PDB file of N, CA and C in Angstrom:
ATOM      1  N   MET A   1      46.613  67.722 166.264  1.00  0.00           N
ATOM      2  CA  MET A   1      46.645  67.241 167.705  1.00  0.00           C
ATOM      3  C   MET A   1      48.167  67.493 168.514  1.00  0.00           C
ATOM      4  N   SER A   2      48.108  67.912 169.335  1.00  0.00           N
ATOM      5  CA  SER A   2      49.456  68.187 169.682  1.00  0.00           C
ATOM      6  C   SER A   2      50.147  67.349 170.376  1.00  0.00           C
ATOM      7  N   ALA A   3      51.304  67.183 170.491  1.00  0.00           N
ATOM      8  CA  ALA A   3      52.613  65.970 170.858  1.00  0.00           C
ATOM      9  C   ALA A   3      52.146  65.737 172.138  1.00  0.00           C
ATOM     10  N   SER A   4      51.586  66.722 173.537  1.00  0.00           N
ATOM     11  CA  SER A   4      51.537  66.392 174.548  1.00  0.00           C
ATOM     12  C   SER A   4      50.064  65.820 174.680  1.00  0.00           C
ATOM     13  N   ARG A   5      48.948  66.328 173.896  1.00  0.00           N
ATOM     14  CA  ARG A   5      48.008  65.647 173.610  1.00  0.00           C
ATOM     15  C   ARG A   5      47.822  63.967 173.488  1.00  0.00           C
ATOM     16  N   ASN A   6      48.720  64.259 172.498  1.00  0.00           N
ATOM     17  CA  ASN A   6      48.779  62.869 171.765  1.00  0.00           C
ATOM     18  C   ASN A   6      49.395  61.699 172.885  1.00  0.00           C
ATOM     19  N   LEU A   7      50.172  62.385 174.015  1.00  0.00           N
ATOM     20  CA  LEU A   7      50.848  61.522 174.577  1.00  0.00           C
ATOM     21  C   LEU A   7      50.062  60.934 175.205  1.00  0.00           C
ATOM     22  N   LYS A   8      49.517  61.923 176.100  1.00  0.00           N
ATOM     23  CA  LYS A   8      48.074  61.897 177.048  1.00  0.00           C
ATOM     24  C   LYS A   8      47.189  60.651 176.614  1.00  0.00           C
ATOM     25  N   SER A   9      46.843  60.765 175.307  1.00  0.00           N
ATOM     26  CA  SER A   9      45.664  59.997 174.772  1.00  0.00           C
ATOM     27  C   SER A   9      46.424  58.844 174.851  1.00  0.00           C
ATOM     28  N   ARG A  10      47.381  58.443 174.449  1.00  0.00           N
ATOM     29  CA  ARG A  10      47.968  56.834 174.170  1.00  0.00           C
ATOM     30  C   ARG A  10      48.715  56.287 175.639  1.00  0.00           C
ATOM     31  N   LEU A  11      48.796  57.520 176.699  1.00  0.00           N
ATOM     32  CA  LEU A  11      48.797  56.716 177.950  1.00  0.00           C
ATOM     33  C   LEU A  11      47.801  56.171 178.499  1.00  0.00           C
ATOM     34  N   ALA A  12      46.624  57.033 177.820  1.00  0.00           N
ATOM     35  CA  ALA A  12      44.865  57.033 178.779  1.00  0.00           C
ATOM     36  C   ALA A  12      45.167  55.777 178.393  1.00  0.00           C
ATOM     37  N   TRP A  13      44.800  55.427 176.624  1.00  0.00           N
ATOM     38  CA  TRP A  13      45.118  53.999 176.104  1.00  0.00           C
ATOM     39  C   TRP A  13      45.665  52.893 176.696  1.00  0.00           C
ATOM     40  N   PHE A  14      46.972  52.873 177.325  1.00  0.00           N
ATOM     41  CA  PHE A  14      47.908  52.164 177.559  1.00  0.00           C
ATOM     42  C   PHE A  14      47.256  51.391 179.372  1.00  0.00           C
ATOM     43  N   LEU A  15      47.083  52.559 180.112  1.00  0.00           N
ATOM     44  CA  LEU A  15      46.550  52.332 181.364  1.00  0.00           C
ATOM     45  C   LEU A  15      45.449  51.448 181.447  1.00  0.00           C
ATOM     46  N   ALA A  16      44.105  51.892 180.367  1.00  0.00           N
ATOM     47  CA  ALA A  16      42.875  51.384 180.481  1.00  0.00           C
ATOM     48  C   ALA A  16      43.239  50.071 179.657  1.00  0.00           C
ATOM     49  N   CYS A  17      44.259  49.585 179.119  1.00  0.00           N
ATOM     50  CA  CYS A  17      44.534  47.989 178.481  1.00  0.00           C
ATOM     51  C   CYS A  17      45.085  47.319 179.605  1.00  0.00           C
ATOM     52  N   LEU A  18      46.067  47.821 180.388  1.00  0.00           N
ATOM     53  CA  LEU A  18      46.528  47.438 181.661  1.00  0.00           C
ATOM     54  C   LEU A  18      45.811  47.041 182.602  1.00  0.00           C
ATOM     55  N   SER A  19      44.816  48.143 183.052  1.00  0.00           N
ATOM     56  CA  SER A  19      43.769  47.633 183.889  1.00  0.00           C
ATOM     57  C   SER A  19      42.753  46.672 183.552  1.00  0.00           C
ATOM     58  N   THR A  20      42.242  46.648 182.250  1.00  0.00           N
ATOM     59  CA  THR A  20      41.356  45.290 181.925  1.00  0.00           C
ATOM     60  C   THR A  20      42.089  44.478 182.173  1.00  0.00           C
ATOM     61  N   GLY A  21      43.319  43.904 181.537  1.00  0.00           N
ATOM     62  CA  GLY A  21      43.996  42.849 181.922  1.00  0.00           C
ATOM     63  C   GLY A  21      44.285  42.248 182.878  1.00  0.00           C
ATOM     64  N   ALA A  22      44.308  43.287 184.300  1.00  0.00           N
ATOM     65  CA  ALA A  22      45.003  43.091 185.088  1.00  0.00           C
ATOM     66  C   ALA A  22      43.482  42.472 186.027  1.00  0.00           C
ATOM     67  N   ALA A  23      42.294  43.233 185.572  1.00  0.00           N
ATOM     68  CA  ALA A  23      40.896  42.396 186.245  1.00  0.00           C
ATOM     69  C   ALA A  23      40.875  41.581 186.145  1.00  0.00           C
ATOM     70  N   THR A  24      40.920  41.222 184.886  1.00  0.00           N
ATOM     71  CA  THR A  24      40.402  40.111 183.822  1.00  0.00           C
ATOM     72  C   THR A  24      41.602  38.887 184.762  1.00  0.00           C
ATOM     73  N   GLY A  25      42.700  39.334 184.723  1.00  0.00           N
ATOM     74  CA  GLY A  25      43.870  37.814 185.358  1.00  0.00           C
ATOM     75  C   GLY A  25      43.596  37.883 186.663  1.00  0.00           C
ATOM     76  N   MET A  26      43.112  38.386 187.794  1.00  0.00           N
ATOM     77  CA  MET A  26      42.921  38.897 188.932  1.00  0.00           C
ATOM     78  C   MET A  26      41.657  38.103 189.105  1.00  0.00           C
ATOM     79  N   ALA A  27      40.542  38.183 188.465  1.00  0.00           N
ATOM     80  CA  ALA A  27      39.180  37.907 188.677  1.00  0.00           C
ATOM     81  C   ALA A  27      39.289  36.062 188.381  1.00  0.00           C
ATOM     82  N   GLY A  28      39.997  35.962 187.047  1.00  0.00           N
ATOM     83  CA  GLY A  28      40.127  34.381 186.538  1.00  0.00           C
ATOM     84  C   GLY A  28      41.209  33.733 187.098  1.00  0.00           C
ATOM     85  N   ALA A  29      42.040  34.366 188.225  1.00  0.00           N
ATOM     86  CA  ALA A  29      42.693  33.533 189.522  1.00  0.00           C
ATOM     87  C   ALA A  29      41.822  33.263 190.106  1.00  0.00           C
ATOM     88  N   TRP A  30      41.147  34.486 190.919  1.00  0.00           N
ATOM     89  CA  TRP A  30      40.446  33.948 191.742  1.00  0.00           C
ATOM     90  C   TRP A  30      39.375  33.187 191.808  1.00  0.00           C
ATOM     91  N   PHE A  31      38.331  33.100 190.527  1.00  0.00           N
ATOM     92  CA  PHE A  31      37.316  32.421 190.307  1.00  0.00           C
ATOM     93  C   PHE A  31      38.170  30.834 190.125  1.00  0.00           C
ATOM     94  N   THR A  32      39.081  30.861 189.812  1.00  0.00           N
ATOM     95  CA  THR A  32      39.666  29.319 188.830  1.00  0.00           C
ATOM     96  C   THR A  32      41.463  28.614 189.730  1.00  0.00           C
ATOM     97  N   GLY A  33      41.763  29.636 190.623  1.00  0.00           N
ATOM     98  CA  GLY A  33      42.773  29.361 191.408  1.00  0.00           C
ATOM     99  C   GLY A  33      44.253  28.982 190.385  1.00  0.00           C
ATOM    100  N   ASN A  34      43.981  29.201 189.086  1.00  0.00           N
ATOM    101  CA  ASN A  34      45.024  29.185 188.051  1.00  0.00           C
ATOM    102  C   ASN A  34      45.531  30.528 187.987  1.00  0.00           C
ATOM    103  N   PRO A  35      46.858  30.583 187.950  1.00  0.00           N
ATOM    104  CA  PRO A  35      47.345  31.611 187.800  1.00  0.00           C
ATOM    105  C   PRO A  35      48.000  32.447 186.430  1.00  0.00           C
ATOM    106  N   SER A  36      47.774  31.588 185.610  1.00  0.00           N
ATOM    107  CA  SER A  36      47.559  31.558 184.241  1.00  0.00           C
ATOM    108  C   SER A  36      46.568  32.431 183.886  1.00  0.00           C
ATOM    109  N   TRP A  37      45.588  32.893 184.353  1.00  0.00           N
ATOM    110  CA  TRP A  37      44.844  34.033 183.641  1.00  0.00           C
ATOM    111  C   TRP A  37      45.605  35.770 183.903  1.00  0.00           C
ATOM    112  N   TYR A  38      46.861  35.591 184.847  1.00  0.00           N
ATOM    113  CA  TYR A  38      47.447  36.947 184.507  1.00  0.00           C
ATOM    114  C   TYR A  38      48.024  36.965 183.246  1.00  0.00           C
ATOM    115  N   LEU A  39      48.075  36.109 182.462  1.00  0.00           N
ATOM    116  CA  LEU A  39      48.667  36.300 180.789  1.00  0.00           C
ATOM    117  C   LEU A  39      47.730  36.778 179.970  1.00  0.00           C
ATOM    118  N   ALA A  40      46.590  37.387 180.575  1.00  0.00           N
ATOM    119  CA  ALA A  40      45.522  38.036 180.379  1.00  0.00           C
ATOM    120  C   ALA A  40      46.028  40.106 179.984  1.00  0.00           C
ATOM    121  N   ILE A  41      47.063  39.857 180.870  1.00  0.00           N
ATOM    122  CA  ILE A  41      47.361  41.257 180.896  1.00  0.00           C
ATOM    123  C   ILE A  41      48.448  41.812 179.624  1.00  0.00           C
ATOM    124  N   PRO A  42      49.425  41.133 179.133  1.00  0.00           N
ATOM    125  CA  PRO A  42      49.816  41.205 177.380  1.00  0.00           C
ATOM    126  C   PRO A  42      48.891  41.097 176.778  1.00  0.00           C
ATOM    127  N   ALA A  43      48.199  39.920 176.786  1.00  0.00           N
ATOM    128  CA  ALA A  43      47.156  39.908 175.657  1.00  0.00           C
ATOM    129  C   ALA A  43      46.140  41.107 175.756  1.00  0.00           C
ATOM    130  N   ALA A  44      45.936  41.812 176.815  1.00  0.00           N
ATOM    131  CA  ALA A  44      45.056  42.950 176.835  1.00  0.00           C
ATOM    132  C   ALA A  44      45.897  44.390 175.657  1.00  0.00           C
ATOM    133  N   LEU A  45      47.434  44.295 176.226  1.00  0.00           N
ATOM    134  CA  LEU A  45      47.880  44.945 175.904  1.00  0.00           C
ATOM    135  C   LEU A  45      48.157  44.731 174.444  1.00  0.00           C
ATOM    136  N   ALA A  46      48.240  44.033 174.005  1.00  0.00           N
ATOM    137  CA  ALA A  46      48.417  43.840 172.759  1.00  0.00           C
ATOM    138  C   ALA A  46      47.406  43.773 171.630  1.00  0.00           C
ATOM    139  N   LEU A  47      46.154  43.622 172.470  1.00  0.00           N
ATOM    140  CA  LEU A  47      44.480  43.871 171.372  1.00  0.00           C
ATOM    141  C   LEU A  47      44.490  45.265 171.408  1.00  0.00           C
ATOM    142  N   GLY A  48      44.785  45.952 172.597  1.00  0.00           N
ATOM    143  CA  GLY A  48      45.030  47.240 172.423  1.00  0.00           C
ATOM    144  C   GLY A  48      45.762  47.554 171.199  1.00  0.00           C
ATOM    145  N   TRP A  49      47.033  47.733 170.969  1.00  0.00           N
ATOM    146  CA  TRP A  49      47.629  48.347 170.381  1.00  0.00           C
ATOM    147  C   TRP A  49      47.370  48.062 168.998  1.00  0.00           C
ATOM    148  N   LEU A  50      46.560  46.512 168.767  1.00  0.00           N
ATOM    149  CA  LEU A  50      46.162  46.567 167.096  1.00  0.00           C
ATOM    150  C   LEU A  50      44.710  47.215 166.875  1.00  0.00           C
ATOM    151  N   TRP A  51      44.037  47.574 168.098  1.00  0.00           N
ATOM    152  CA  TRP A  51      43.344  48.383 167.935  1.00  0.00           C
ATOM    153  C   TRP A  51      42.813  50.335 167.685  1.00  0.00           C
ATOM    154  N   VAL A  52      44.081  50.564 168.670  1.00  0.00           N
ATOM    155  CA  VAL A  52      44.434  51.715 168.608  1.00  0.00           C
ATOM    156  C   VAL A  52      45.797  52.289 168.124  1.00  0.00           C
ATOM    157  N   ALA A  53      46.243  51.371 167.668  1.00  0.00           N
ATOM    158  CA  ALA A  53      47.441  52.074 167.020  1.00  0.00           C
ATOM    159  C   ALA A  53      47.400  52.118 165.579  1.00  0.00           C
ATOM    160  N   ASN A  54      47.929  53.378 164.943  1.00  0.00           N
ATOM    161  CA  ASN A  54      47.702  53.849 163.692  1.00  0.00           C
ATOM    162  C   ASN A  54      49.091  53.342 162.765  1.00  0.00           C
ATOM    163  N   PRO A  55      49.390  52.397 162.087  1.00  0.00           N
ATOM    164  CA  PRO A  55      51.246  52.096 161.376  1.00  0.00           C
ATOM    165  C   PRO A  55      51.522  53.577 160.840  1.00  0.00           C
ATOM    166  N   ASP A  56      50.531  54.284 159.995  1.00  0.00           N
ATOM    167  CA  ASP A  56      51.092  55.045 159.878  1.00  0.00           C
ATOM    168  C   ASP A  56      51.983  56.304 160.283  1.00  0.00           C
ATOM    169  N   GLU A  57      51.974  56.263 161.903  1.00  0.00           N
ATOM    170  CA  GLU A  57      52.885  57.145 162.273  1.00  0.00           C
ATOM    171  C   GLU A  57      54.182  56.378 162.824  1.00  0.00           C
ATOM    172  N   CYS A  58      53.810  55.245 162.177  1.00  0.00           N
ATOM    173  CA  CYS A  58      55.405  54.338 162.790  1.00  0.00           C
ATOM    174  C   CYS A  58      56.357  54.696 161.278  1.00  0.00           C
ATOM    175  N   THR A  59      55.562  55.102 160.018  1.00  0.00           N
ATOM    176  CA  THR A  59      56.613  54.741 159.049  1.00  0.00           C
ATOM    177  C   THR A  59      57.366  55.891 158.688  1.00  0.00           C
ATOM    178  N   PRO A  60      58.310  56.567 158.057  1.00  0.00           N
ATOM    179  CA  PRO A  60      59.133  58.072 157.765  1.00  0.00           C
ATOM    180  C   PRO A  60      58.346  58.865 156.630  1.00  0.00           C
ATOM    181  N   PRO A  61      58.073  59.922 156.709  1.00  0.00           N
ATOM    182  CA  PRO A  61      57.652  60.582 155.455  1.00  0.00           C
ATOM    183  C   PRO A  61      58.659  60.225 154.102  1.00  0.00           C
ATOM    184  N   THR A  62      57.765  59.645 152.939  1.00  0.00           N
ATOM    185  CA  THR A  62      58.837  59.771 151.844  1.00  0.00           C
ATOM    186  C   THR A  62      58.975  60.982 151.241  1.00  0.00           C
ATOM    187  N   ALA A  63      60.519  60.633 150.940  1.00  0.00           N
ATOM    188  CA  ALA A  63      61.708  61.903 150.765  1.00  0.00           C
ATOM    189  C   ALA A  63      61.379  62.163 149.390  1.00  0.00           C
ATOM    190  N   ARG A  64      60.556  63.830 149.438  1.00  0.00           N
ATOM    191  CA  ARG A  64      60.209  63.866 147.803  1.00  0.00           C
ATOM    192  C   ARG A  64      62.111  64.282 147.099  1.00  0.00           C
ATOM    193  N   ARG A  65      61.494  63.941 146.040  1.00  0.00           N
ATOM    194  CA  ARG A  65      62.484  64.070 144.696  1.00  0.00           C
ATOM    195  C   ARG A  65      62.950  65.231 144.563  1.00  0.00           C
ATOM    196  N   ALA A  66      63.648  66.034 144.553  1.00  0.00           N
ATOM    197  CA  ALA A  66      64.423  67.259 144.037  1.00  0.00           C
ATOM    198  C   ALA A  66      63.905  67.350 142.931  1.00  0.00           C
ATOM    199  N   ALA A  67      63.296  68.249 142.266  1.00  0.00           N
ATOM    200  CA  ALA A  67      62.938  68.719 140.738  1.00  0.00           C
ATOM    201  C   ALA A  67      64.506  69.265 139.950  1.00  0.00           C
ATOM    202  N   ALA A  68      64.774  68.276 139.345  1.00  0.00           N
ATOM    203  CA  ALA A  68      65.953  69.347 138.138  1.00  0.00           C
ATOM    204  C   ALA A  68      66.264  69.832 137.462  1.00  0.00           C
TER     205      ALA A  68
END
């Protein structure tokens, strides 16, 4: 997968999670009048990161030992 395609995919997932959280926050605040529903935005981002993230991409490749 190319770097730009990977970036576009990550940006799309980020915007989807952000939109989901914002919609949940607005709907909850509208129905209940409690602004605490806007905490759904960081919650949706965290859940999206847990579901989509690949921890293998965060670790550096292991160094190969040079044969002596």
